[in-house]
Structures are given as C-alpha cells and as structure tokens.
Amino acid sequence: MSESINTLDELLNDPMIQLVMERDRVRPAELRMLLEKARDRAADDSRIDQPMVPPAHVVARSCLAQWLYR
C-alpha cells in the first residue's frame, strides 16, 4: 500500500487490501456501508469535531454482529 492513498475508493482498489479482504471474507460494499454509517453517526454527534472511523476491533465486532463475513 502506498502512502499516497487518500480516499476509500483508492484503499478498496489496492490489490493488497483486496487480497486481505478476500482472505477475511469481507465484502467491499458492506465495509463501505459500515464506514459510511460510522462517519454519519460521528458527524451527527455534537461532541466530536471531526467524523472518525472506529478502531479495528469495533469494526470487526460490528461486522460479525451484522454477518458481513461470508
């Protein structure tokens, strides 16, 4: 992965990321939806100045709860 990746699209199109996601059975569309929901929730929270992406362990727990793994 390059340090020049700036967007989620660039990240999801990275071949290494695609291999890891395939290995972990993570679906790109569902990951995108999860991250967008987290961003929107954070943006609605008046205590947070900037939207944030949750830590990996929170994303993993949420993916398992929503059956985003194949």
N, C-alpha and C. Protein backbone atom coordinates (compact mmCIF):
# COMPACT_ATOMS: atom_id res chain seq x y z
N MET A 1 0.84 -1.18 0.00
CA MET A 1 0.00 0.00 0.00
C MET A 1 0.89 1.24 0.00
N SER A 2 0.46 2.22 -0.71
CA SER A 2 1.22 3.45 -0.85
C SER A 2 0.72 4.50 0.14
N GLU A 3 1.60 5.40 0.52
CA GLU A 3 1.20 6.49 1.41
C GLU A 3 0.40 7.55 0.66
N SER A 4 0.27 7.41 -0.66
CA SER A 4 -0.46 8.41 -1.44
C SER A 4 -1.95 8.09 -1.52
N ILE A 5 -2.42 7.03 -0.85
CA ILE A 5 -3.84 6.70 -0.87
C ILE A 5 -4.59 7.72 -0.02
N ASN A 6 -5.59 8.36 -0.65
CA ASN A 6 -6.32 9.42 0.02
C ASN A 6 -7.80 9.15 0.21
N THR A 7 -8.35 8.23 -0.55
CA THR A 7 -9.79 8.00 -0.49
C THR A 7 -10.10 6.55 -0.20
N LEU A 8 -11.33 6.31 0.21
CA LEU A 8 -11.77 4.94 0.45
C LEU A 8 -11.75 4.14 -0.84
N ASP A 9 -12.13 4.75 -1.95
CA ASP A 9 -12.09 4.05 -3.24
C ASP A 9 -10.67 3.59 -3.56
N GLU A 10 -9.69 4.46 -3.35
CA GLU A 10 -8.30 4.09 -3.61
C GLU A 10 -7.87 2.95 -2.70
N LEU A 11 -8.28 3.01 -1.45
CA LEU A 11 -7.94 1.96 -0.50
C LEU A 11 -8.57 0.63 -0.91
N LEU A 12 -9.84 0.65 -1.24
CA LEU A 12 -10.53 -0.59 -1.62
C LEU A 12 -10.05 -1.15 -2.95
N ASN A 13 -9.46 -0.31 -3.79
CA ASN A 13 -8.92 -0.78 -5.07
C ASN A 13 -7.48 -1.24 -4.98
N ASP A 14 -6.86 -1.08 -3.82
CA ASP A 14 -5.48 -1.51 -3.63
C ASP A 14 -5.43 -3.05 -3.66
N PRO A 15 -4.58 -3.64 -4.50
CA PRO A 15 -4.52 -5.10 -4.63
C PRO A 15 -4.23 -5.82 -3.31
N MET A 16 -3.38 -5.27 -2.47
CA MET A 16 -3.07 -5.92 -1.20
C MET A 16 -4.30 -5.92 -0.28
N ILE A 17 -5.00 -4.80 -0.25
CA ILE A 17 -6.21 -4.70 0.55
C ILE A 17 -7.25 -5.69 0.05
N GLN A 18 -7.38 -5.81 -1.26
CA GLN A 18 -8.33 -6.75 -1.84
C GLN A 18 -8.00 -8.19 -1.44
N LEU A 19 -6.73 -8.53 -1.44
CA LEU A 19 -6.33 -9.88 -1.04
C LEU A 19 -6.66 -10.16 0.42
N VAL A 20 -6.38 -9.20 1.28
CA VAL A 20 -6.67 -9.37 2.71
C VAL A 20 -8.18 -9.47 2.93
N MET A 21 -8.93 -8.63 2.25
CA MET A 21 -10.38 -8.67 2.39
C MET A 21 -10.94 -10.00 1.88
N GLU A 22 -10.41 -10.49 0.78
CA GLU A 22 -10.86 -11.78 0.26
C GLU A 22 -10.54 -12.90 1.24
N ARG A 23 -9.33 -12.87 1.80
CA ARG A 23 -8.95 -13.88 2.78
C ARG A 23 -9.85 -13.85 4.00
N ASP A 24 -10.21 -12.64 4.43
CA ASP A 24 -11.05 -12.47 5.62
C ASP A 24 -12.54 -12.51 5.31
N ARG A 25 -12.84 -12.71 4.03
CA ARG A 25 -14.24 -12.78 3.58
C ARG A 25 -15.03 -11.52 3.91
N VAL A 26 -14.39 -10.39 3.69
CA VAL A 26 -15.03 -9.09 3.89
C VAL A 26 -15.50 -8.59 2.54
N ARG A 27 -16.75 -8.20 2.47
CA ARG A 27 -17.32 -7.69 1.21
C ARG A 27 -17.11 -6.18 1.14
N PRO A 28 -16.50 -5.70 0.06
CA PRO A 28 -16.20 -4.26 -0.05
C PRO A 28 -17.43 -3.37 0.10
N ALA A 29 -18.54 -3.72 -0.51
CA ALA A 29 -19.73 -2.88 -0.44
C ALA A 29 -20.25 -2.77 0.99
N GLU A 30 -20.19 -3.86 1.72
CA GLU A 30 -20.69 -3.83 3.09
C GLU A 30 -19.72 -3.10 4.02
N LEU A 31 -18.44 -3.21 3.75
CA LEU A 31 -17.46 -2.44 4.52
C LEU A 31 -17.66 -0.95 4.28
N ARG A 32 -17.88 -0.60 3.03
CA ARG A 32 -18.13 0.81 2.68
C ARG A 32 -19.36 1.32 3.43
N MET A 33 -20.44 0.53 3.44
CA MET A 33 -21.67 0.92 4.12
C MET A 33 -21.42 1.11 5.62
N LEU A 34 -20.67 0.18 6.21
CA LEU A 34 -20.36 0.27 7.64
C LEU A 34 -19.57 1.53 7.96
N LEU A 35 -18.57 1.83 7.16
CA LEU A 35 -17.76 3.03 7.39
C LEU A 35 -18.56 4.31 7.16
N GLU A 36 -19.44 4.30 6.16
CA GLU A 36 -20.27 5.47 5.91
C GLU A 36 -21.24 5.70 7.06
N LYS A 37 -21.82 4.63 7.60
CA LYS A 37 -22.70 4.76 8.76
C LYS A 37 -21.94 5.33 9.96
N ALA A 38 -20.73 4.83 10.18
CA ALA A 38 -19.92 5.32 11.29
C ALA A 38 -19.58 6.79 11.10
N ARG A 39 -19.26 7.17 9.88
CA ARG A 39 -18.95 8.58 9.58
C ARG A 39 -20.17 9.46 9.84
N ASP A 40 -21.33 9.01 9.35
CA ASP A 40 -22.54 9.79 9.53
C ASP A 40 -22.93 9.91 11.00
N ARG A 41 -22.78 8.81 11.74
CA ARG A 41 -23.09 8.83 13.17
C ARG A 41 -22.16 9.79 13.90
N ALA A 42 -20.89 9.76 13.55
CA ALA A 42 -19.91 10.64 14.19
C ALA A 42 -20.19 12.10 13.83
N ALA A 43 -20.61 12.34 12.59
CA ALA A 43 -20.90 13.71 12.16
C ALA A 43 -22.11 14.26 12.91
N ASP A 44 -23.05 13.39 13.25
CA ASP A 44 -24.25 13.82 13.98
C ASP A 44 -23.98 14.04 15.46
N ASP A 45 -22.88 13.51 15.95
CA ASP A 45 -22.55 13.62 17.37
C ASP A 45 -21.89 14.98 17.62
N SER A 46 -22.56 15.82 18.37
CA SER A 46 -22.05 17.18 18.58
C SER A 46 -20.80 17.22 19.43
N ARG A 47 -20.46 16.12 20.12
CA ARG A 47 -19.26 16.10 20.95
C ARG A 47 -18.00 15.88 20.13
N ILE A 48 -18.15 15.47 18.89
CA ILE A 48 -16.99 15.16 18.05
C ILE A 48 -16.86 16.25 16.99
N ASP A 49 -15.67 16.85 16.90
CA ASP A 49 -15.44 17.91 15.93
C ASP A 49 -15.32 17.38 14.51
N GLN A 50 -14.69 16.23 14.35
CA GLN A 50 -14.49 15.67 13.02
C GLN A 50 -15.00 14.23 13.01
N PRO A 51 -15.60 13.81 11.88
CA PRO A 51 -16.01 12.41 11.77
C PRO A 51 -14.80 11.49 11.93
N MET A 52 -15.01 10.33 12.53
CA MET A 52 -13.92 9.39 12.74
C MET A 52 -14.32 7.99 12.33
N VAL A 53 -13.33 7.18 12.02
CA VAL A 53 -13.54 5.77 11.75
C VAL A 53 -13.26 5.04 13.05
N PRO A 54 -14.14 4.11 13.43
CA PRO A 54 -13.93 3.40 14.69
C PRO A 54 -12.68 2.52 14.65
N PRO A 55 -12.12 2.16 15.81
CA PRO A 55 -10.96 1.27 15.84
C PRO A 55 -11.30 -0.09 15.22
N ALA A 56 -10.27 -0.79 14.79
CA ALA A 56 -10.45 -2.06 14.08
C ALA A 56 -11.25 -3.08 14.88
N HIS A 57 -11.03 -3.16 16.20
CA HIS A 57 -11.75 -4.16 16.97
C HIS A 57 -13.24 -3.86 17.03
N VAL A 58 -13.61 -2.59 16.95
CA VAL A 58 -15.02 -2.21 16.93
C VAL A 58 -15.63 -2.57 15.58
N VAL A 59 -14.90 -2.31 14.50
CA VAL A 59 -15.37 -2.66 13.17
C VAL A 59 -15.54 -4.18 13.07
N ALA A 60 -14.56 -4.94 13.55
CA ALA A 60 -14.63 -6.40 13.47
C ALA A 60 -15.83 -6.92 14.24
N ARG A 61 -16.06 -6.42 15.45
CA ARG A 61 -17.19 -6.85 16.27
C ARG A 61 -18.50 -6.52 15.55
N SER A 62 -18.56 -5.35 14.95
CA SER A 62 -19.76 -4.92 14.25
C SER A 62 -20.00 -5.78 13.01
N CYS A 63 -18.93 -6.11 12.29
CA CYS A 63 -19.05 -6.95 11.10
C CYS A 63 -19.59 -8.32 11.48
N LEU A 64 -19.06 -8.89 12.54
CA LEU A 64 -19.53 -10.19 12.99
C LEU A 64 -20.99 -10.12 13.40
N ALA A 65 -21.37 -9.07 14.09
CA ALA A 65 -22.75 -8.92 14.54
C ALA A 65 -23.71 -8.77 13.36
N GLN A 66 -23.24 -8.17 12.28
CA GLN A 66 -24.08 -7.96 11.12
C GLN A 66 -23.87 -9.02 10.04
N TRP A 67 -23.10 -10.03 10.34
CA TRP A 67 -22.83 -11.14 9.40
C TRP A 67 -22.24 -10.63 8.09
N LEU A 68 -21.29 -9.68 8.18
CA LEU A 68 -20.67 -9.16 6.97
C LEU A 68 -19.56 -10.08 6.47
N TYR A 69 -19.18 -11.05 7.28
CA TYR A 69 -18.23 -12.05 6.82
C TYR A 69 -19.03 -13.11 6.08
N ARG A 70 -18.44 -13.68 5.04
CA ARG A 70 -19.12 -14.75 4.29
C ARG A 70 -19.15 -16.02 5.08
